[in-house]
Amino acid sequence: MAKIRINGETFDFDQSHHPMSEALAIEQATGMRYVDWETELAAGSMKAMCAFVWLVWRRNGRTVPLDDITGGKVEIDLDELLTSLMEARQENENAPDPTSGDTPAP
């Protein structure tokens, strides 16, 4: 479970949990296909990053319109967000591989 920091608050975000309803919500909110959103997010698109923040908040019960984020009405501390994402990535890379050793594969 990743710890994502947005504007001084920390949110849990399960990166392995992708329900269809969220994929559809992202498509509706962004106008992008979900697979394109994932590609754009990995490529560093700020519109995709705004949708990621929107998704994190949505999972945590916050109702913030995506347009408020993309339009600048709700500002996001980008350095803090990106730092937390890099930390989450490092934790994921350093996690033990469940398919190695005596641990049975999922």
PDB file of N, CA and C in Angstrom:
ATOM      1  N   MET A   1       0.855  -1.178   0.000  1.00  0.00           N
ATOM      2  CA  MET A   1       0.000   0.000   0.000  1.00  0.00           C
ATOM      3  C   MET A   1       0.895   1.233   0.000  1.00  0.00           C
ATOM      4  N   ALA A   2       0.740   2.046  -1.001  1.00  0.00           N
ATOM      5  CA  ALA A   2       1.550   3.251  -1.133  1.00  0.00           C
ATOM      6  C   ALA A   2       1.000   4.357  -0.233  1.00  0.00           C
ATOM      7  N   LYS A   3       1.903   5.186   0.247  1.00  0.00           N
ATOM      8  CA  LYS A   3       1.549   6.391   0.997  1.00  0.00           C
ATOM      9  C   LYS A   3       1.773   7.566   0.056  1.00  0.00           C
ATOM     10  N   ILE A   4       0.698   8.222  -0.334  1.00  0.00           N
ATOM     11  CA  ILE A   4       0.762   9.329  -1.277  1.00  0.00           C
ATOM     12  C   ILE A   4       0.506  10.629  -0.509  1.00  0.00           C
ATOM     13  N   ARG A   5       1.426  11.589  -0.659  1.00  0.00           N
ATOM     14  CA  ARG A   5       1.263  12.880   0.021  1.00  0.00           C
ATOM     15  C   ARG A   5       0.759  13.924  -0.971  1.00  0.00           C
ATOM     16  N   ILE A   6      -0.334  14.558  -0.573  1.00  0.00           N
ATOM     17  CA  ILE A   6      -0.929  15.625  -1.385  1.00  0.00           C
ATOM     18  C   ILE A   6      -1.209  16.804  -0.460  1.00  0.00           C
ATOM     19  N   ASN A   7      -0.529  17.901  -0.714  1.00  0.00           N
ATOM     20  CA  ASN A   7      -0.740  19.143   0.034  1.00  0.00           C
ATOM     21  C   ASN A   7      -0.684  18.942   1.557  1.00  0.00           C
ATOM     22  N   GLY A   8       0.316  18.207   2.001  1.00  0.00           N
ATOM     23  CA  GLY A   8       0.535  18.037   3.433  1.00  0.00           C
ATOM     24  C   GLY A   8      -0.233  16.907   4.079  1.00  0.00           C
ATOM     25  N   GLU A   9      -1.069  16.228   3.331  1.00  0.00           N
ATOM     26  CA  GLU A   9      -1.834  15.096   3.863  1.00  0.00           C
ATOM     27  C   GLU A   9      -1.329  13.807   3.227  1.00  0.00           C
ATOM     28  N   THR A  10      -1.379  12.728   4.006  1.00  0.00           N
ATOM     29  CA  THR A  10      -0.953  11.425   3.511  1.00  0.00           C
ATOM     30  C   THR A  10      -2.163  10.532   3.319  1.00  0.00           C
ATOM     31  N   PHE A  11      -2.205   9.886   2.161  1.00  0.00           N
ATOM     32  CA  PHE A  11      -3.309   9.004   1.805  1.00  0.00           C
ATOM     33  C   PHE A  11      -2.768   7.627   1.453  1.00  0.00           C
ATOM     34  N   ASP A  12      -3.463   6.588   1.901  1.00  0.00           N
ATOM     35  CA  ASP A  12      -3.140   5.233   1.479  1.00  0.00           C
ATOM     36  C   ASP A  12      -3.685   5.044   0.071  1.00  0.00           C
ATOM     37  N   PHE A  13      -2.897   4.383  -0.767  1.00  0.00           N
ATOM     38  CA  PHE A  13      -3.347   4.117  -2.129  1.00  0.00           C
ATOM     39  C   PHE A  13      -2.866   2.742  -2.541  1.00  0.00           C
ATOM     40  N   ASP A  14      -3.802   1.839  -2.717  1.00  0.00           N
ATOM     41  CA  ASP A  14      -3.483   0.476  -3.132  1.00  0.00           C
ATOM     42  C   ASP A  14      -3.346   0.451  -4.648  1.00  0.00           C
ATOM     43  N   GLN A  15      -2.097   0.377  -5.113  1.00  0.00           N
ATOM     44  CA  GLN A  15      -1.828   0.423  -6.545  1.00  0.00           C
ATOM     45  C   GLN A  15      -2.221  -0.858  -7.264  1.00  0.00           C
ATOM     46  N   SER A  16      -2.484  -1.908  -6.514  1.00  0.00           N
ATOM     47  CA  SER A  16      -2.863  -3.174  -7.150  1.00  0.00           C
ATOM     48  C   SER A  16      -4.379  -3.309  -7.293  1.00  0.00           C
ATOM     49  N   HIS A  17      -5.110  -2.337  -6.817  1.00  0.00           N
ATOM     50  CA  HIS A  17      -6.580  -2.376  -6.808  1.00  0.00           C
ATOM     51  C   HIS A  17      -7.102  -1.429  -7.884  1.00  0.00           C
ATOM     52  N   HIS A  18      -7.659  -1.986  -8.979  1.00  0.00           N
ATOM     53  CA  HIS A  18      -8.161  -1.165 -10.083  1.00  0.00           C
ATOM     54  C   HIS A  18      -9.561  -1.628 -10.489  1.00  0.00           C
ATOM     55  N   PRO A  19     -10.589  -1.182  -9.767  1.00  0.00           N
ATOM     56  CA  PRO A  19     -11.941  -1.601 -10.155  1.00  0.00           C
ATOM     57  C   PRO A  19     -12.389  -0.969 -11.473  1.00  0.00           C
ATOM     58  N   MET A  20     -13.235  -1.666 -12.172  1.00  0.00           N
ATOM     59  CA  MET A  20     -13.763  -1.192 -13.448  1.00  0.00           C
ATOM     60  C   MET A  20     -14.443   0.164 -13.289  1.00  0.00           C
ATOM     61  N   SER A  21     -15.142   0.360 -12.176  1.00  0.00           N
ATOM     62  CA  SER A  21     -15.851   1.631 -11.972  1.00  0.00           C
ATOM     63  C   SER A  21     -14.879   2.813 -11.961  1.00  0.00           C
ATOM     64  N   GLU A  22     -13.680   2.618 -11.411  1.00  0.00           N
ATOM     65  CA  GLU A  22     -12.692   3.697 -11.419  1.00  0.00           C
ATOM     66  C   GLU A  22     -12.157   3.951 -12.815  1.00  0.00           C
ATOM     67  N   ALA A  23     -11.919   2.891 -13.556  1.00  0.00           N
ATOM     68  CA  ALA A  23     -11.447   3.052 -14.933  1.00  0.00           C
ATOM     69  C   ALA A  23     -12.474   3.829 -15.752  1.00  0.00           C
ATOM     70  N   LEU A  24     -13.728   3.491 -15.573  1.00  0.00           N
ATOM     71  CA  LEU A  24     -14.796   4.203 -16.289  1.00  0.00           C
ATOM     72  C   LEU A  24     -14.896   5.654 -15.834  1.00  0.00           C
ATOM     73  N   ALA A  25     -14.738   5.891 -14.541  1.00  0.00           N
ATOM     74  CA  ALA A  25     -14.791   7.260 -14.013  1.00  0.00           C
ATOM     75  C   ALA A  25     -13.643   8.096 -14.577  1.00  0.00           C
ATOM     76  N   ILE A  26     -12.454   7.498 -14.675  1.00  0.00           N
ATOM     77  CA  ILE A  26     -11.309   8.215 -15.250  1.00  0.00           C
ATOM     78  C   ILE A  26     -11.574   8.531 -16.717  1.00  0.00           C
ATOM     79  N   GLU A  27     -12.112   7.562 -17.454  1.00  0.00           N
ATOM     80  CA  GLU A  27     -12.430   7.809 -18.857  1.00  0.00           C
ATOM     81  C   GLU A  27     -13.437   8.942 -18.999  1.00  0.00           C
ATOM     82  N   GLN A  28     -14.459   8.927 -18.160  1.00  0.00           N
ATOM     83  CA  GLN A  28     -15.490   9.963 -18.246  1.00  0.00           C
ATOM     84  C   GLN A  28     -14.927  11.330 -17.853  1.00  0.00           C
ATOM     85  N   ALA A  29     -14.127  11.373 -16.788  1.00  0.00           N
ATOM     86  CA  ALA A  29     -13.609  12.647 -16.292  1.00  0.00           C
ATOM     87  C   ALA A  29     -12.547  13.254 -17.210  1.00  0.00           C
ATOM     88  N   THR A  30     -11.699  12.402 -17.803  1.00  0.00           N
ATOM     89  CA  THR A  30     -10.574  12.913 -18.598  1.00  0.00           C
ATOM     90  C   THR A  30     -10.831  12.944 -20.095  1.00  0.00           C
ATOM     91  N   GLY A  31     -11.772  12.126 -20.556  1.00  0.00           N
ATOM     92  CA  GLY A  31     -11.987  12.003 -21.992  1.00  0.00           C
ATOM     93  C   GLY A  31     -10.960  11.100 -22.655  1.00  0.00           C
ATOM     94  N   MET A  32     -10.110  10.451 -21.835  1.00  0.00           N
ATOM     95  CA  MET A  32      -9.088   9.528 -22.350  1.00  0.00           C
ATOM     96  C   MET A  32      -9.524   8.100 -22.088  1.00  0.00           C
ATOM     97  N   ARG A  33      -9.087   7.185 -22.956  1.00  0.00           N
ATOM     98  CA  ARG A  33      -9.259   5.775 -22.629  1.00  0.00           C
ATOM     99  C   ARG A  33      -8.374   5.476 -21.424  1.00  0.00           C
ATOM    100  N   TYR A  34      -8.800   4.537 -20.595  1.00  0.00           N
ATOM    101  CA  TYR A  34      -8.062   4.220 -19.367  1.00  0.00           C
ATOM    102  C   TYR A  34      -6.616   3.830 -19.680  1.00  0.00           C
ATOM    103  N   VAL A  35      -6.417   3.013 -20.698  1.00  0.00           N
ATOM    104  CA  VAL A  35      -5.060   2.578 -21.049  1.00  0.00           C
ATOM    105  C   VAL A  35      -4.213   3.774 -21.486  1.00  0.00           C
ATOM    106  N   ASP A  36      -4.816   4.735 -22.160  1.00  0.00           N
ATOM    107  CA  ASP A  36      -4.084   5.940 -22.555  1.00  0.00           C
ATOM    108  C   ASP A  36      -3.748   6.783 -21.327  1.00  0.00           C
ATOM    109  N   TRP A  37      -4.672   6.853 -20.365  1.00  0.00           N
ATOM    110  CA  TRP A  37      -4.396   7.575 -19.121  1.00  0.00           C
ATOM    111  C   TRP A  37      -3.199   6.959 -18.405  1.00  0.00           C
ATOM    112  N   GLU A  38      -3.169   5.625 -18.311  1.00  0.00           N
ATOM    113  CA  GLU A  38      -2.039   4.957 -17.659  1.00  0.00           C
ATOM    114  C   GLU A  38      -0.727   5.265 -18.389  1.00  0.00           C
ATOM    115  N   THR A  39      -0.766   5.236 -19.703  1.00  0.00           N
ATOM    116  CA  THR A  39       0.426   5.532 -20.501  1.00  0.00           C
ATOM    117  C   THR A  39       0.871   6.975 -20.291  1.00  0.00           C
ATOM    118  N   GLU A  40      -0.085   7.889 -20.328  1.00  0.00           N
ATOM    119  CA  GLU A  40       0.220   9.306 -20.128  1.00  0.00           C
ATOM    120  C   GLU A  40       0.752   9.574 -18.717  1.00  0.00           C
ATOM    121  N   LEU A  41       0.199   8.895 -17.738  1.00  0.00           N
ATOM    122  CA  LEU A  41       0.672   9.047 -16.360  1.00  0.00           C
ATOM    123  C   LEU A  41       2.129   8.597 -16.251  1.00  0.00           C
ATOM    124  N   ALA A  42       2.438   7.457 -16.833  1.00  0.00           N
ATOM    125  CA  ALA A  42       3.807   6.939 -16.805  1.00  0.00           C
ATOM    126  C   ALA A  42       4.767   7.856 -17.572  1.00  0.00           C
ATOM    127  N   ALA A  43       4.260   8.556 -18.581  1.00  0.00           N
ATOM    128  CA  ALA A  43       5.092   9.447 -19.389  1.00  0.00           C
ATOM    129  C   ALA A  43       5.245  10.837 -18.768  1.00  0.00           C
ATOM    130  N   GLY A  44       4.532  11.089 -17.664  1.00  0.00           N
ATOM    131  CA  GLY A  44       4.683  12.366 -16.975  1.00  0.00           C
ATOM    132  C   GLY A  44       3.686  13.438 -17.339  1.00  0.00           C
ATOM    133  N   SER A  45       2.579  13.072 -17.959  1.00  0.00           N
ATOM    134  CA  SER A  45       1.548  14.047 -18.318  1.00  0.00           C
ATOM    135  C   SER A  45       0.940  14.662 -17.054  1.00  0.00           C
ATOM    136  N   MET A  46       0.890  15.982 -17.014  1.00  0.00           N
ATOM    137  CA  MET A  46       0.318  16.649 -15.852  1.00  0.00           C
ATOM    138  C   MET A  46      -1.207  16.503 -15.808  1.00  0.00           C
ATOM    139  N   LYS A  47      -1.858  16.421 -16.959  1.00  0.00           N
ATOM    140  CA  LYS A  47      -3.299  16.171 -16.960  1.00  0.00           C
ATOM    141  C   LYS A  47      -3.580  14.801 -16.348  1.00  0.00           C
ATOM    142  N   ALA A  48      -2.779  13.811 -16.719  1.00  0.00           N
ATOM    143  CA  ALA A  48      -2.932  12.470 -16.140  1.00  0.00           C
ATOM    144  C   ALA A  48      -2.608  12.494 -14.645  1.00  0.00           C
ATOM    145  N   MET A  49      -1.616  13.286 -14.238  1.00  0.00           N
ATOM    146  CA  MET A  49      -1.266  13.400 -12.818  1.00  0.00           C
ATOM    147  C   MET A  49      -2.410  14.042 -12.038  1.00  0.00           C
ATOM    148  N   CYS A  50      -3.049  15.032 -12.620  1.00  0.00           N
ATOM    149  CA  CYS A  50      -4.222  15.640 -11.975  1.00  0.00           C
ATOM    150  C   CYS A  50      -5.315  14.595 -11.774  1.00  0.00           C
ATOM    151  N   ALA A  51      -5.517  13.741 -12.780  1.00  0.00           N
ATOM    152  CA  ALA A  51      -6.518  12.680 -12.651  1.00  0.00           C
ATOM    153  C   ALA A  51      -6.114  11.668 -11.586  1.00  0.00           C
ATOM    154  N   PHE A  52      -4.817  11.436 -11.429  1.00  0.00           N
ATOM    155  CA  PHE A  52      -4.340  10.546 -10.369  1.00  0.00           C
ATOM    156  C   PHE A  52      -4.671  11.133  -8.998  1.00  0.00           C
ATOM    157  N   VAL A  53      -4.408  12.414  -8.806  1.00  0.00           N
ATOM    158  CA  VAL A  53      -4.750  13.080  -7.542  1.00  0.00           C
ATOM    159  C   VAL A  53      -6.249  12.981  -7.302  1.00  0.00           C
ATOM    160  N   TRP A  54      -7.026  13.252  -8.343  1.00  0.00           N
ATOM    161  CA  TRP A  54      -8.481  13.159  -8.256  1.00  0.00           C
ATOM    162  C   TRP A  54      -8.890  11.761  -7.820  1.00  0.00           C
ATOM    163  N   LEU A  55      -8.229  10.722  -8.373  1.00  0.00           N
ATOM    164  CA  LEU A  55      -8.535   9.336  -8.037  1.00  0.00           C
ATOM    165  C   LEU A  55      -8.161   9.018  -6.580  1.00  0.00           C
ATOM    166  N   VAL A  56      -6.994   9.465  -6.144  1.00  0.00           N
ATOM    167  CA  VAL A  56      -6.585   9.240  -4.753  1.00  0.00           C
ATOM    168  C   VAL A  56      -7.602   9.871  -3.809  1.00  0.00           C
ATOM    169  N   TRP A  57      -7.957  11.111  -4.072  1.00  0.00           N
ATOM    170  CA  TRP A  57      -8.950  11.784  -3.221  1.00  0.00           C
ATOM    171  C   TRP A  57     -10.296  11.071  -3.289  1.00  0.00           C
ATOM    172  N   ARG A  58     -10.696  10.664  -4.462  1.00  0.00           N
ATOM    173  CA  ARG A  58     -11.983   9.971  -4.640  1.00  0.00           C
ATOM    174  C   ARG A  58     -12.025   8.697  -3.803  1.00  0.00           C
ATOM    175  N   ARG A  59     -10.933   7.920  -3.825  1.00  0.00           N
ATOM    176  CA  ARG A  59     -10.874   6.694  -3.026  1.00  0.00           C
ATOM    177  C   ARG A  59     -10.944   6.979  -1.533  1.00  0.00           C
ATOM    178  N   ASN A  60     -10.549   8.187  -1.153  1.00  0.00           N
ATOM    179  CA  ASN A  60     -10.542   8.548   0.259  1.00  0.00           C
ATOM    180  C   ASN A  60     -11.721   9.442   0.643  1.00  0.00           C
ATOM    181  N   GLY A  61     -12.779   9.411  -0.176  1.00  0.00           N
ATOM    182  CA  GLY A  61     -14.022  10.087   0.157  1.00  0.00           C
ATOM    183  C   GLY A  61     -14.074  11.571  -0.132  1.00  0.00           C
ATOM    184  N   ARG A  62     -13.105  12.097  -0.843  1.00  0.00           N
ATOM    185  CA  ARG A  62     -13.112  13.521  -1.195  1.00  0.00           C
ATOM    186  C   ARG A  62     -13.798  13.711  -2.532  1.00  0.00           C
ATOM    187  N   THR A  63     -14.656  14.688  -2.598  1.00  0.00           N
ATOM    188  CA  THR A  63     -15.334  14.997  -3.846  1.00  0.00           C
ATOM    189  C   THR A  63     -14.801  16.327  -4.352  1.00  0.00           C
ATOM    190  N   VAL A  64     -13.787  16.262  -5.186  1.00  0.00           N
ATOM    191  CA  VAL A  64     -13.186  17.447  -5.786  1.00  0.00           C
ATOM    192  C   VAL A  64     -13.304  17.277  -7.298  1.00  0.00           C
ATOM    193  N   PRO A  65     -13.996  18.186  -7.972  1.00  0.00           N
ATOM    194  CA  PRO A  65     -14.115  18.055  -9.424  1.00  0.00           C
ATOM    195  C   PRO A  65     -12.738  18.100 -10.098  1.00  0.00           C
ATOM    196  N   LEU A  66     -12.534  17.230 -11.071  1.00  0.00           N
ATOM    197  CA  LEU A  66     -11.271  17.207 -11.795  1.00  0.00           C
ATOM    198  C   LEU A  66     -10.988  18.566 -12.429  1.00  0.00           C
ATOM    199  N   ASP A  67     -12.011  19.236 -12.914  1.00  0.00           N
ATOM    200  CA  ASP A  67     -11.824  20.556 -13.521  1.00  0.00           C
ATOM    201  C   ASP A  67     -11.240  21.565 -12.536  1.00  0.00           C
ATOM    202  N   ASP A  68     -11.546  21.415 -11.244  1.00  0.00           N
ATOM    203  CA  ASP A  68     -10.972  22.313 -10.235  1.00  0.00           C
ATOM    204  C   ASP A  68      -9.469  22.082 -10.089  1.00  0.00           C
ATOM    205  N   ILE A  69      -9.041  20.858 -10.296  1.00  0.00           N
ATOM    206  CA  ILE A  69      -7.619  20.534 -10.206  1.00  0.00           C
ATOM    207  C   ILE A  69      -6.907  20.978 -11.479  1.00  0.00           C
ATOM    208  N   THR A  70      -7.446  20.595 -12.626  1.00  0.00           N
ATOM    209  CA  THR A  70      -6.792  20.948 -13.896  1.00  0.00           C
ATOM    210  C   THR A  70      -6.863  22.442 -14.175  1.00  0.00           C
ATOM    211  N   GLY A  71      -7.885  23.111 -13.656  1.00  0.00           N
ATOM    212  CA  GLY A  71      -8.047  24.547 -13.878  1.00  0.00           C
ATOM    213  C   GLY A  71      -7.298  25.421 -12.893  1.00  0.00           C
ATOM    214  N   GLY A  72      -6.667  24.819 -11.880  1.00  0.00           N
ATOM    215  CA  GLY A  72      -5.890  25.589 -10.920  1.00  0.00           C
ATOM    216  C   GLY A  72      -6.676  26.138  -9.744  1.00  0.00           C
ATOM    217  N   LYS A  73      -7.971  25.855  -9.692  1.00  0.00           N
ATOM    218  CA  LYS A  73      -8.762  26.305  -8.537  1.00  0.00           C
ATOM    219  C   LYS A  73      -8.272  25.625  -7.261  1.00  0.00           C
ATOM    220  N   VAL A  74      -7.883  24.353  -7.395  1.00  0.00           N
ATOM    221  CA  VAL A  74      -7.276  23.592  -6.307  1.00  0.00           C
ATOM    222  C   VAL A  74      -5.833  23.327  -6.721  1.00  0.00           C
ATOM    223  N   GLU A  75      -4.900  23.981  -6.048  1.00  0.00           N
ATOM    224  CA  GLU A  75      -3.477  23.809  -6.367  1.00  0.00           C
ATOM    225  C   GLU A  75      -2.932  22.563  -5.690  1.00  0.00           C
ATOM    226  N   ILE A  76      -1.979  21.933  -6.347  1.00  0.00           N
ATOM    227  CA  ILE A  76      -1.326  20.736  -5.830  1.00  0.00           C
ATOM    228  C   ILE A  76       0.170  21.024  -5.718  1.00  0.00           C
ATOM    229  N   ASP A  77       0.760  20.669  -4.577  1.00  0.00           N
ATOM    230  CA  ASP A  77       2.210  20.788  -4.401  1.00  0.00           C
ATOM    231  C   ASP A  77       2.856  19.648  -5.172  1.00  0.00           C
ATOM    232  N   LEU A  78       3.333  19.944  -6.354  1.00  0.00           N
ATOM    233  CA  LEU A  78       3.856  18.918  -7.254  1.00  0.00           C
ATOM    234  C   LEU A  78       5.100  18.239  -6.696  1.00  0.00           C
ATOM    235  N   ASP A  79       6.004  19.008  -6.092  1.00  0.00           N
ATOM    236  CA  ASP A  79       7.226  18.413  -5.538  1.00  0.00           C
ATOM    237  C   ASP A  79       6.906  17.369  -4.483  1.00  0.00           C
ATOM    238  N   GLU A  80       6.000  17.700  -3.582  1.00  0.00           N
ATOM    239  CA  GLU A  80       5.617  16.762  -2.529  1.00  0.00           C
ATOM    240  C   GLU A  80       4.978  15.497  -3.110  1.00  0.00           C
ATOM    241  N   LEU A  81       4.088  15.685  -4.075  1.00  0.00           N
ATOM    242  CA  LEU A  81       3.417  14.557  -4.719  1.00  0.00           C
ATOM    243  C   LEU A  81       4.420  13.653  -5.427  1.00  0.00           C
ATOM    244  N   LEU A  82       5.286  14.236  -6.233  1.00  0.00           N
ATOM    245  CA  LEU A  82       6.257  13.445  -6.979  1.00  0.00           C
ATOM    246  C   LEU A  82       7.240  12.735  -6.051  1.00  0.00           C
ATOM    247  N   THR A  83       7.645  13.399  -4.975  1.00  0.00           N
ATOM    248  CA  THR A  83       8.538  12.765  -4.005  1.00  0.00           C
ATOM    249  C   THR A  83       7.877  11.548  -3.387  1.00  0.00           C
ATOM    250  N   SER A  84       6.601  11.675  -3.011  1.00  0.00           N
ATOM    251  CA  SER A  84       5.902  10.535  -2.406  1.00  0.00           C
ATOM    252  C   SER A  84       5.728   9.405  -3.410  1.00  0.00           C
ATOM    253  N   LEU A  85       5.515   9.735  -4.681  1.00  0.00           N
ATOM    254  CA  LEU A  85       5.393   8.702  -5.709  1.00  0.00           C
ATOM    255  C   LEU A  85       6.723   7.975  -5.920  1.00  0.00           C
ATOM    256  N   MET A  86       7.827   8.722  -5.902  1.00  0.00           N
ATOM    257  CA  MET A  86       9.144   8.089  -6.042  1.00  0.00           C
ATOM    258  C   MET A  86       9.441   7.197  -4.840  1.00  0.00           C
ATOM    259  N   GLU A  87       9.077   7.648  -3.644  1.00  0.00           N
ATOM    260  CA  GLU A  87       9.279   6.830  -2.445  1.00  0.00           C
ATOM    261  C   GLU A  87       8.454   5.556  -2.512  1.00  0.00           C
ATOM    262  N   ALA A  88       7.210   5.672  -2.971  1.00  0.00           N
ATOM    263  CA  ALA A  88       6.346   4.492  -3.095  1.00  0.00           C
ATOM    264  C   ALA A  88       6.922   3.516  -4.118  1.00  0.00           C
ATOM    265  N   ARG A  89       7.465   4.046  -5.183  1.00  0.00           N
ATOM    266  CA  ARG A  89       8.070   3.194  -6.213  1.00  0.00           C
ATOM    267  C   ARG A  89       9.290   2.460  -5.657  1.00  0.00           C
ATOM    268  N   GLN A  90      10.126   3.169  -4.896  1.00  0.00           N
ATOM    269  CA  GLN A  90      11.307   2.547  -4.304  1.00  0.00           C
ATOM    270  C   GLN A  90      10.917   1.455  -3.317  1.00  0.00           C
ATOM    271  N   GLU A  91       9.894   1.725  -2.510  1.00  0.00           N
ATOM    272  CA  GLU A  91       9.415   0.703  -1.562  1.00  0.00           C
ATOM    273  C   GLU A  91       8.935  -0.535  -2.316  1.00  0.00           C
ATOM    274  N   ASN A  92       8.234  -0.316  -3.403  1.00  0.00           N
ATOM    275  CA  ASN A  92       7.726  -1.426  -4.209  1.00  0.00           C
ATOM    276  C   ASN A  92       8.874  -2.225  -4.829  1.00  0.00           C
ATOM    277  N   GLU A  93       9.894  -1.531  -5.309  1.00  0.00           N
ATOM    278  CA  GLU A  93      11.047  -2.213  -5.907  1.00  0.00           C
ATOM    279  C   GLU A  93      11.854  -2.974  -4.865  1.00  0.00           C
ATOM    280  N   ASN A  94      11.889  -2.472  -3.628  1.00  0.00           N
ATOM    281  CA  ASN A  94      12.666  -3.110  -2.564  1.00  0.00           C
ATOM    282  C   ASN A  94      11.888  -4.179  -1.811  1.00  0.00           C
ATOM    283  N   ALA A  95      10.614  -4.322  -2.121  1.00  0.00           N
ATOM    284  CA  ALA A  95       9.793  -5.335  -1.444  1.00  0.00           C
ATOM    285  C   ALA A  95      10.254  -6.719  -1.874  1.00  0.00           C
ATOM    286  N   PRO A  96      10.178  -7.691  -0.964  1.00  0.00           N
ATOM    287  CA  PRO A  96      10.585  -9.044  -1.340  1.00  0.00           C
ATOM    288  C   PRO A  96       9.688  -9.598  -2.449  1.00  0.00           C
ATOM    289  N   ASP A  97      10.286 -10.344  -3.316  1.00  0.00           N
ATOM    290  CA  ASP A  97       9.559 -10.963  -4.430  1.00  0.00           C
ATOM    291  C   ASP A  97       8.814 -12.187  -3.904  1.00  0.00           C
ATOM    292  N   PRO A  98       7.486 -12.179  -3.970  1.00  0.00           N
ATOM    293  CA  PRO A  98       6.738 -13.315  -3.425  1.00  0.00           C
ATOM    294  C   PRO A  98       6.925 -14.603  -4.221  1.00  0.00           C
ATOM    295  N   THR A  99       7.507 -14.508  -5.415  1.00  0.00           N
ATOM    296  CA  THR A  99       7.706 -15.715  -6.227  1.00  0.00           C
ATOM    297  C   THR A  99       9.082 -16.331  -6.021  1.00  0.00           C
ATOM    298  N   SER A 100       9.900 -15.734  -5.145  1.00  0.00           N
ATOM    299  CA  SER A 100      11.226 -16.299  -4.917  1.00  0.00           C
ATOM    300  C   SER A 100      11.271 -17.026  -3.578  1.00  0.00           C
ATOM    301  N   GLY A 101      12.248 -17.854  -3.412  1.00  0.00           N
ATOM    302  CA  GLY A 101      12.437 -18.550  -2.136  1.00  0.00           C
ATOM    303  C   GLY A 101      11.344 -19.542  -1.845  1.00  0.00           C
ATOM    304  N   ASP A 102      10.979 -19.630  -0.579  1.00  0.00           N
ATOM    305  CA  ASP A 102       9.984 -20.604  -0.132  1.00  0.00           C
ATOM    306  C   ASP A 102       8.551 -20.087  -0.227  1.00  0.00           C
ATOM    307  N   THR A 103       8.396 -18.834  -0.620  1.00  0.00           N
ATOM    308  CA  THR A 103       7.054 -18.272  -0.699  1.00  0.00           C
ATOM    309  C   THR A 103       6.372 -18.787  -1.953  1.00  0.00           C
ATOM    310  N   PRO A 104       5.206 -19.396  -1.819  1.00  0.00           N
ATOM    311  CA  PRO A 104       4.508 -19.884  -3.016  1.00  0.00           C
ATOM    312  C   PRO A 104       4.049 -18.729  -3.898  1.00  0.00           C
ATOM    313  N   ALA A 105       4.063 -18.936  -5.179  1.00  0.00           N
ATOM    314  CA  ALA A 105       3.598 -17.916  -6.125  1.00  0.00           C
ATOM    315  C   ALA A 105       2.101 -17.725  -5.961  1.00  0.00           C
ATOM    316  N   PRO A 106       1.645 -16.467  -6.125  1.00  0.00           N
ATOM    317  CA  PRO A 106       0.190 -16.215  -6.015  1.00  0.00           C
ATOM    318  C   PRO A 106      -0.606 -16.867  -7.104  1.00  0.00           C
TER     319      PRO A 106
END
